[in-house]
N, C-alpha and C. Protein backbone atom coordinates (compact mmCIF):
# COMPACT_ATOMS: atom_id res chain seq x y z
N UNK A 1 10.16 99.12 -148.52
CA UNK A 1 9.61 98.01 -149.47
C UNK A 1 8.43 98.36 -150.03
N UNK A 2 7.40 98.61 -149.21
CA UNK A 2 6.09 98.96 -149.68
C UNK A 2 6.24 100.22 -150.74
N UNK A 3 7.03 101.28 -150.41
CA UNK A 3 7.07 102.11 -151.40
C UNK A 3 7.39 101.93 -152.86
N UNK A 4 8.43 100.75 -152.98
CA UNK A 4 8.89 100.29 -154.30
C UNK A 4 7.74 99.53 -154.98
N UNK A 5 7.05 98.79 -154.21
CA UNK A 5 5.85 97.83 -154.60
C UNK A 5 4.65 98.85 -155.18
N UNK A 6 4.51 99.96 -154.58
CA UNK A 6 3.45 100.91 -155.00
C UNK A 6 3.82 101.57 -156.17
N UNK A 7 5.28 102.05 -156.25
CA UNK A 7 5.73 102.70 -157.54
C UNK A 7 5.69 101.70 -158.65
N UNK A 8 6.18 100.37 -158.64
CA UNK A 8 6.04 99.30 -159.54
C UNK A 8 4.63 99.25 -159.98
N UNK A 9 3.59 99.11 -159.02
CA UNK A 9 2.22 98.95 -159.42
C UNK A 9 1.70 99.94 -160.28
N UNK A 10 2.10 101.35 -159.90
CA UNK A 10 1.72 102.47 -160.61
C UNK A 10 2.29 102.60 -162.03
N UNK A 11 3.58 102.31 -161.96
CA UNK A 11 4.26 102.15 -163.38
C UNK A 11 3.59 101.06 -164.20
N UNK A 12 3.41 100.01 -163.67
CA UNK A 12 2.76 98.94 -164.62
C UNK A 12 1.43 99.38 -165.05
N UNK A 13 0.52 99.93 -163.90
CA UNK A 13 -0.68 100.33 -164.39
C UNK A 13 -0.74 101.54 -165.58
N UNK A 14 0.28 102.54 -165.50
CA UNK A 14 0.38 103.44 -166.45
C UNK A 14 0.64 102.93 -167.75
N UNK A 15 1.56 102.00 -167.74
CA UNK A 15 2.18 101.23 -168.96
C UNK A 15 0.89 100.46 -169.61
N UNK A 16 0.05 100.01 -168.81
CA UNK A 16 -0.94 98.97 -169.17
C UNK A 16 -2.03 99.97 -169.79
N UNK A 17 -2.28 100.95 -169.30
CA UNK A 17 -3.26 102.12 -169.63
C UNK A 17 -2.79 102.83 -171.14
N UNK A 18 -1.43 103.08 -171.25
CA UNK A 18 -0.91 103.53 -172.45
C UNK A 18 -0.90 102.53 -173.52
N UNK A 19 -0.88 101.30 -173.40
CA UNK A 19 -0.83 100.18 -174.29
C UNK A 19 -2.23 100.16 -174.77
N UNK A 20 -3.33 100.07 -173.91
CA UNK A 20 -4.63 100.01 -174.19
C UNK A 20 -5.06 101.18 -175.02
N UNK A 21 -4.59 102.48 -174.72
CA UNK A 21 -5.10 103.64 -175.76
C UNK A 21 -4.31 103.50 -176.81
N UNK A 22 -3.19 102.94 -177.11
CA UNK A 22 -2.61 102.69 -178.21
C UNK A 22 -3.47 101.66 -179.25
N UNK A 23 -3.66 100.67 -178.50
CA UNK A 23 -4.56 99.41 -179.17
C UNK A 23 -5.59 99.99 -179.69
N UNK A 24 -6.45 100.79 -178.86
CA UNK A 24 -7.86 101.34 -179.30
C UNK A 24 -7.55 102.37 -180.63
N UNK A 25 -6.59 103.05 -180.39
CA UNK A 25 -6.49 104.00 -181.51
C UNK A 25 -5.93 103.08 -182.99
N UNK A 26 -5.27 102.14 -182.73
CA UNK A 26 -4.77 101.31 -183.95
C UNK A 26 -6.06 100.66 -184.44
N UNK A 27 -6.95 100.24 -183.76
CA UNK A 27 -8.03 99.18 -184.04
C UNK A 27 -9.42 100.02 -184.43
N UNK A 28 -9.65 101.23 -183.86
CA UNK A 28 -10.87 101.75 -184.03
C UNK A 28 -10.70 103.22 -184.76
N UNK A 29 -9.73 103.99 -184.47
CA UNK A 29 -9.67 105.29 -185.08
C UNK A 29 -8.76 105.59 -186.11
N UNK A 30 -7.82 104.58 -186.08
CA UNK A 30 -6.67 105.00 -187.57
C UNK A 30 -7.51 104.36 -188.71
N UNK A 31 -7.31 105.31 -189.89
CA UNK A 31 -8.03 105.06 -191.13
C UNK A 31 -7.39 103.82 -191.79
N UNK A 32 -6.14 103.62 -191.64
CA UNK A 32 -5.39 102.59 -192.26
C UNK A 32 -5.21 102.74 -193.66
N UNK A 33 -4.62 101.88 -194.42
CA UNK A 33 -4.28 102.00 -195.80
C UNK A 33 -4.97 100.85 -196.56
N UNK A 34 -4.95 101.01 -197.85
CA UNK A 34 -5.51 100.04 -198.83
C UNK A 34 -4.14 99.52 -199.48
N UNK A 35 -3.79 98.19 -199.51
CA UNK A 35 -2.59 97.45 -199.96
C UNK A 35 -3.08 96.69 -200.99
N UNK A 36 -2.21 96.47 -202.02
CA UNK A 36 -2.53 95.49 -202.97
C UNK A 36 -1.32 94.61 -203.24
N UNK A 37 -1.63 93.36 -203.40
CA UNK A 37 -0.63 92.45 -203.82
C UNK A 37 -0.19 92.68 -205.15
N UNK A 38 0.84 91.99 -205.61
CA UNK A 38 1.46 92.14 -206.90
C UNK A 38 0.44 91.24 -207.88
N UNK A 39 -0.14 91.80 -208.92
CA UNK A 39 -1.06 91.17 -209.68
C UNK A 39 -0.46 89.90 -210.12
N UNK A 40 -1.26 88.74 -210.02
CA UNK A 40 -1.03 87.37 -210.53
C UNK A 40 -0.93 87.41 -212.14
N UNK A 41 -1.63 88.41 -212.67
CA UNK A 41 -2.08 88.34 -214.08
C UNK A 41 -2.28 89.88 -214.53
N UNK A 42 -1.46 90.30 -215.47
CA UNK A 42 -1.70 91.47 -216.21
C UNK A 42 -1.87 91.20 -217.62
N UNK A 43 -2.83 91.81 -218.18
CA UNK A 43 -3.10 91.31 -219.61
C UNK A 43 -3.68 92.55 -220.45
N UNK A 44 -3.30 92.88 -221.72
CA UNK A 44 -3.56 93.83 -222.51
C UNK A 44 -4.22 93.55 -223.62
N UNK A 45 -5.51 93.98 -224.04
CA UNK A 45 -6.23 93.32 -224.91
C UNK A 45 -7.21 94.49 -225.64
N UNK A 46 -8.09 94.01 -226.74
CA UNK A 46 -8.94 95.06 -227.24
C UNK A 46 -10.39 94.64 -226.74
N UNK A 47 -11.27 95.52 -226.55
CA UNK A 47 -12.67 95.00 -226.31
C UNK A 47 -13.26 94.54 -227.47
N UNK A 48 -13.95 93.58 -227.33
CA UNK A 48 -14.58 92.83 -228.37
C UNK A 48 -15.60 93.76 -229.40
N UNK A 49 -16.15 94.52 -228.74
CA UNK A 49 -17.11 95.28 -229.52
C UNK A 49 -16.67 96.59 -230.39
N UNK A 50 -16.14 97.50 -229.58
CA UNK A 50 -15.62 98.65 -230.14
C UNK A 50 -14.07 98.90 -230.28
N UNK A 51 -13.35 97.74 -229.96
CA UNK A 51 -11.86 97.81 -230.00
C UNK A 51 -10.95 98.63 -229.28
N UNK A 52 -11.53 99.23 -228.20
CA UNK A 52 -10.76 99.80 -227.40
C UNK A 52 -10.01 99.21 -226.45
N UNK A 53 -8.65 99.72 -226.09
CA UNK A 53 -7.78 99.03 -225.42
C UNK A 53 -8.20 98.83 -223.95
N UNK A 54 -7.87 97.55 -223.42
CA UNK A 54 -8.19 97.21 -222.05
C UNK A 54 -6.99 96.57 -221.34
N UNK A 55 -6.86 96.96 -220.07
CA UNK A 55 -6.07 96.41 -219.23
C UNK A 55 -6.77 95.65 -218.26
N UNK A 56 -6.48 94.22 -218.03
CA UNK A 56 -7.02 93.25 -217.16
C UNK A 56 -5.95 92.73 -216.32
N UNK A 57 -6.23 92.72 -214.87
CA UNK A 57 -5.52 92.33 -213.91
C UNK A 57 -6.10 91.58 -212.64
N UNK A 58 -5.69 90.54 -212.10
CA UNK A 58 -6.19 90.07 -210.93
C UNK A 58 -5.35 90.29 -209.84
N UNK A 59 -5.85 90.69 -208.87
CA UNK A 59 -5.02 90.96 -207.63
C UNK A 59 -5.82 90.89 -206.36
N UNK A 60 -5.20 90.85 -205.15
CA UNK A 60 -5.63 91.02 -204.00
C UNK A 60 -5.82 92.38 -203.11
N UNK A 61 -6.72 92.90 -202.74
CA UNK A 61 -6.72 94.21 -202.07
C UNK A 61 -7.07 93.89 -200.64
N UNK A 62 -6.37 94.60 -199.60
CA UNK A 62 -6.86 94.47 -198.34
C UNK A 62 -6.30 95.99 -197.52
N UNK A 63 -7.03 95.94 -196.31
CA UNK A 63 -7.04 97.28 -195.52
C UNK A 63 -6.15 96.93 -194.39
N UNK A 64 -5.31 97.84 -193.93
CA UNK A 64 -4.42 97.72 -192.85
C UNK A 64 -5.16 98.00 -191.58
N UNK A 65 -6.28 98.67 -191.64
CA UNK A 65 -7.27 99.04 -190.31
C UNK A 65 -8.16 98.02 -190.23
N UNK A 66 -8.78 97.82 -188.99
CA UNK A 66 -9.73 96.65 -188.77
C UNK A 66 -11.18 97.09 -189.28
N UNK A 67 -11.34 98.42 -189.50
CA UNK A 67 -12.76 98.83 -190.05
C UNK A 67 -12.77 98.71 -191.64
N UNK A 68 -11.69 98.71 -192.29
CA UNK A 68 -11.61 98.62 -193.72
C UNK A 68 -11.85 100.07 -194.25
N UNK A 69 -11.70 100.07 -195.56
CA UNK A 69 -12.01 101.41 -196.35
C UNK A 69 -12.84 101.02 -197.62
N UNK A 70 -13.46 102.23 -198.27
CA UNK A 70 -14.17 102.12 -199.30
C UNK A 70 -13.34 102.73 -200.54
N UNK A 71 -13.09 102.06 -201.67
CA UNK A 71 -12.49 102.65 -202.69
C UNK A 71 -13.77 103.16 -203.54
N UNK A 72 -13.58 104.47 -203.86
CA UNK A 72 -14.73 105.10 -204.83
C UNK A 72 -14.31 104.83 -206.54
N UNK A 73 -12.90 104.91 -206.65
CA UNK A 73 -12.66 104.57 -208.11
C UNK A 73 -11.21 104.13 -208.17
N UNK A 74 -10.79 103.45 -209.18
CA UNK A 74 -9.36 103.04 -209.55
C UNK A 74 -9.25 103.40 -211.02
N UNK A 75 -8.05 103.68 -211.25
CA UNK A 75 -7.72 103.90 -212.82
C UNK A 75 -6.18 103.67 -212.89
N UNK A 76 -5.86 103.16 -214.14
CA UNK A 76 -4.41 103.03 -214.42
C UNK A 76 -3.89 104.06 -215.56
N UNK A 77 -2.58 104.50 -215.05
CA UNK A 77 -2.12 105.32 -215.97
C UNK A 77 -0.78 104.51 -216.53
N UNK A 78 -0.88 104.50 -217.88
CA UNK A 78 0.25 103.72 -218.69
C UNK A 78 1.21 104.54 -219.49
N UNK A 79 2.51 104.18 -219.40
CA UNK A 79 3.32 105.05 -220.01
C UNK A 79 4.10 104.31 -221.07
N UNK A 80 4.31 104.79 -222.21
CA UNK A 80 5.26 104.10 -223.27
C UNK A 80 5.67 105.12 -224.00
N UNK A 81 6.71 104.84 -224.89
CA UNK A 81 7.40 105.83 -225.75
C UNK A 81 6.50 106.86 -226.51
N UNK A 82 5.38 106.35 -226.91
CA UNK A 82 4.35 107.21 -227.62
C UNK A 82 3.58 108.27 -226.59
N UNK A 83 3.51 108.13 -225.25
CA UNK A 83 2.95 109.08 -224.58
C UNK A 83 2.42 108.42 -223.10
N UNK A 84 1.41 109.08 -222.68
CA UNK A 84 0.91 108.70 -221.24
C UNK A 84 -0.62 108.47 -221.56
N UNK A 85 -1.23 107.21 -221.20
CA UNK A 85 -2.61 107.29 -221.47
C UNK A 85 -3.48 106.68 -220.03
N UNK A 86 -4.49 107.22 -220.07
CA UNK A 86 -5.31 107.04 -218.69
C UNK A 86 -6.40 105.98 -218.99
N UNK A 87 -6.29 104.78 -218.26
CA UNK A 87 -7.35 103.98 -218.55
C UNK A 87 -8.15 104.06 -217.19
N UNK A 88 -9.42 104.75 -217.44
CA UNK A 88 -9.98 105.13 -216.13
C UNK A 88 -11.54 104.80 -216.13
N UNK A 89 -11.95 103.90 -217.03
CA UNK A 89 -13.07 103.27 -216.85
C UNK A 89 -13.05 101.82 -216.45
N UNK A 90 -13.48 101.70 -214.94
CA UNK A 90 -13.04 100.54 -214.13
C UNK A 90 -14.29 99.71 -213.88
N UNK A 91 -13.90 98.34 -213.83
CA UNK A 91 -15.00 97.51 -213.50
C UNK A 91 -14.33 96.23 -213.07
N UNK A 92 -14.85 95.62 -211.99
CA UNK A 92 -14.31 94.31 -211.14
C UNK A 92 -15.35 93.34 -211.11
N UNK A 93 -14.83 92.32 -210.66
CA UNK A 93 -15.69 91.05 -210.33
C UNK A 93 -15.25 89.72 -210.98
N UNK A 94 -15.90 88.91 -211.05
CA UNK A 94 -15.38 87.51 -211.61
C UNK A 94 -15.91 87.55 -213.17
N UNK A 95 -15.46 86.41 -213.82
CA UNK A 95 -15.52 86.52 -215.38
C UNK A 95 -16.98 86.80 -215.78
N UNK A 96 -18.13 86.26 -215.07
CA UNK A 96 -19.32 86.32 -215.80
C UNK A 96 -20.01 87.36 -215.05
N UNK A 97 -19.61 87.90 -214.00
CA UNK A 97 -20.40 88.87 -212.94
C UNK A 97 -19.54 90.34 -213.03
N UNK A 98 -19.42 91.10 -213.80
CA UNK A 98 -18.70 92.11 -213.72
C UNK A 98 -19.58 93.28 -213.18
N UNK A 99 -19.07 94.19 -212.29
CA UNK A 99 -19.52 95.41 -211.76
C UNK A 99 -19.01 96.69 -212.14
N UNK A 100 -19.66 97.56 -212.41
CA UNK A 100 -19.08 98.97 -212.72
C UNK A 100 -18.18 99.40 -211.37
N UNK A 101 -16.98 99.79 -211.48
CA UNK A 101 -16.25 100.07 -210.28
C UNK A 101 -16.65 101.27 -209.54
N UNK A 102 -17.12 101.34 -208.36
CA UNK A 102 -17.74 102.38 -207.72
C UNK A 102 -18.02 101.83 -206.19
N UNK A 103 -17.40 102.14 -204.99
CA UNK A 103 -17.93 101.94 -203.69
C UNK A 103 -17.86 100.37 -203.34
N UNK A 104 -16.29 100.06 -203.59
CA UNK A 104 -15.89 98.89 -203.34
C UNK A 104 -15.28 98.78 -201.83
N UNK A 105 -16.07 98.10 -201.05
CA UNK A 105 -15.47 97.88 -199.61
C UNK A 105 -14.55 96.93 -199.45
N UNK A 106 -13.11 97.33 -198.84
CA UNK A 106 -12.08 96.44 -198.80
C UNK A 106 -12.00 96.40 -197.29
N UNK A 107 -12.20 95.22 -196.67
CA UNK A 107 -12.06 94.98 -195.14
C UNK A 107 -10.49 94.45 -194.91
N UNK A 108 -10.31 94.05 -193.63
CA UNK A 108 -8.85 93.75 -193.45
C UNK A 108 -8.50 92.13 -193.94
N UNK A 109 -9.63 91.54 -194.09
CA UNK A 109 -9.21 90.16 -194.66
C UNK A 109 -8.92 90.25 -196.22
N UNK A 110 -9.40 91.39 -196.67
CA UNK A 110 -9.32 91.87 -198.20
C UNK A 110 -10.23 90.86 -199.19
N UNK A 111 -10.06 91.50 -200.38
CA UNK A 111 -10.83 90.51 -201.39
C UNK A 111 -10.17 90.53 -202.78
N UNK A 112 -10.38 89.69 -203.40
CA UNK A 112 -9.63 89.02 -204.67
C UNK A 112 -10.60 89.04 -206.06
N UNK A 113 -10.38 89.98 -206.80
CA UNK A 113 -11.18 90.13 -208.08
C UNK A 113 -10.25 90.41 -209.18
N UNK A 114 -11.08 90.16 -210.21
CA UNK A 114 -10.26 90.66 -211.56
C UNK A 114 -10.85 92.21 -211.71
N UNK A 115 -9.88 92.81 -212.33
CA UNK A 115 -10.10 94.39 -212.59
C UNK A 115 -10.04 94.63 -213.82
N UNK A 116 -10.68 95.43 -214.44
CA UNK A 116 -10.74 95.69 -216.00
C UNK A 116 -10.51 97.26 -215.95
N UNK A 117 -9.84 97.84 -216.91
CA UNK A 117 -9.57 99.27 -216.93
C UNK A 117 -9.48 99.44 -218.54
N UNK A 118 -10.50 100.14 -218.99
CA UNK A 118 -10.66 100.59 -220.48
C UNK A 118 -10.26 101.97 -220.81
N UNK A 119 -9.58 102.13 -221.62
CA UNK A 119 -9.10 103.45 -222.31
C UNK A 119 -10.58 104.01 -222.92
N UNK A 120 -10.86 105.19 -222.47
CA UNK A 120 -11.92 106.00 -223.24
C UNK A 120 -11.82 106.61 -224.30
N UNK A 121 -10.45 106.87 -224.70
CA UNK A 121 -10.06 107.63 -226.02
C UNK A 121 -10.19 106.76 -227.13
N UNK A 122 -10.10 107.31 -228.19
CA UNK A 122 -10.18 106.42 -229.59
C UNK A 122 -9.07 105.36 -229.58
N UNK A 123 -9.20 104.19 -229.90
CA UNK A 123 -8.26 103.19 -229.80
C UNK A 123 -7.10 103.47 -230.76
N UNK A 124 -7.26 104.26 -231.87
CA UNK A 124 -6.22 104.60 -232.89
C UNK A 124 -5.26 105.50 -232.14
N UNK A 125 -5.58 106.20 -231.07
CA UNK A 125 -4.58 107.27 -230.47
C UNK A 125 -3.43 106.37 -229.69
N UNK A 126 -3.84 105.03 -229.08
CA UNK A 126 -2.86 104.24 -228.37
C UNK A 126 -1.98 103.57 -229.34
N UNK A 127 -0.77 103.43 -229.13
CA UNK A 127 0.06 102.50 -229.79
C UNK A 127 0.73 101.62 -228.98
N UNK A 128 0.66 100.49 -229.02
CA UNK A 128 1.23 99.25 -228.19
C UNK A 128 2.73 99.26 -228.74
N UNK A 129 3.75 99.79 -227.73
CA UNK A 129 5.14 99.76 -228.14
C UNK A 129 5.75 99.15 -226.96
N UNK A 130 7.08 98.65 -227.20
CA UNK A 130 7.82 98.09 -226.08
C UNK A 130 8.13 99.42 -225.06
N UNK A 131 8.42 98.82 -223.78
CA UNK A 131 8.71 99.72 -222.90
C UNK A 131 7.82 100.08 -222.15
N UNK A 132 6.61 99.47 -221.92
CA UNK A 132 5.45 99.99 -221.13
C UNK A 132 5.69 99.91 -219.79
N UNK A 133 5.27 101.04 -218.96
CA UNK A 133 5.35 100.84 -217.50
C UNK A 133 3.67 101.26 -217.09
N UNK A 134 3.11 100.94 -215.98
CA UNK A 134 1.92 101.28 -215.55
C UNK A 134 2.12 101.37 -214.18
N UNK A 135 1.02 102.24 -213.61
CA UNK A 135 1.00 102.55 -212.17
C UNK A 135 -0.63 102.37 -212.03
N UNK A 136 -0.92 101.97 -210.86
CA UNK A 136 -2.51 101.73 -210.45
C UNK A 136 -2.54 102.92 -209.33
N UNK A 137 -3.80 103.45 -209.71
CA UNK A 137 -4.19 104.39 -208.55
C UNK A 137 -5.66 104.32 -207.95
N UNK A 138 -6.01 104.77 -206.94
CA UNK A 138 -7.40 104.65 -206.25
C UNK A 138 -7.72 105.96 -205.47
N UNK A 139 -8.86 106.15 -205.49
CA UNK A 139 -9.42 107.31 -204.67
C UNK A 139 -10.43 106.72 -203.59
N UNK A 140 -10.29 107.33 -202.34
CA UNK A 140 -11.13 106.85 -201.28
C UNK A 140 -12.41 107.57 -201.08
N UNK A 141 -13.40 106.97 -200.45
CA UNK A 141 -14.60 107.66 -199.70
C UNK A 141 -14.04 108.44 -198.60
N UNK A 142 -14.26 109.65 -198.50
CA UNK A 142 -13.97 110.51 -197.52
C UNK A 142 -15.31 110.64 -196.47
N UNK A 143 -15.04 111.18 -195.39
CA UNK A 143 -16.12 111.46 -194.38
C UNK A 143 -16.62 112.66 -194.82
N UNK A 144 -16.13 113.50 -195.58
CA UNK A 144 -16.70 114.85 -195.79
C UNK A 144 -17.85 114.90 -196.77
N UNK A 145 -18.02 113.88 -197.63
CA UNK A 145 -19.14 113.91 -198.48
C UNK A 145 -20.41 113.32 -198.18
N UNK A 146 -21.54 113.59 -198.48
CA UNK A 146 -22.87 113.05 -198.20
C UNK A 146 -22.97 112.56 -196.83
């Protein structure tokens, strides 16, 4: 009987150690991913000053890792029957406090901001047509730089 008790104790200890190592990996070493909720508002308009097209959306970004991640940049690629357009000038913040998009830290609890994406090309090149689809992309800060 004592051999069975010792084997059971060793098995439980080994299982506990494996579970602890897995938890450590999940919470401290895994980079995780940045997730985005479905935007509550997506809006297209022209900028007031120069008339360039802008995509505005409000969404919540969050990290699946406990340490969070840093987003270096975000952009929107819009497709319509006239072609594909890159809205790569990114700003975020609240209505009266916009920041140029760069180095946005996203933690596990997340952040909710307004995101503005502006088309850099001439506004006459973009045609607002039916059948628009869009995709949102982001790039991350990697450990290999600076």
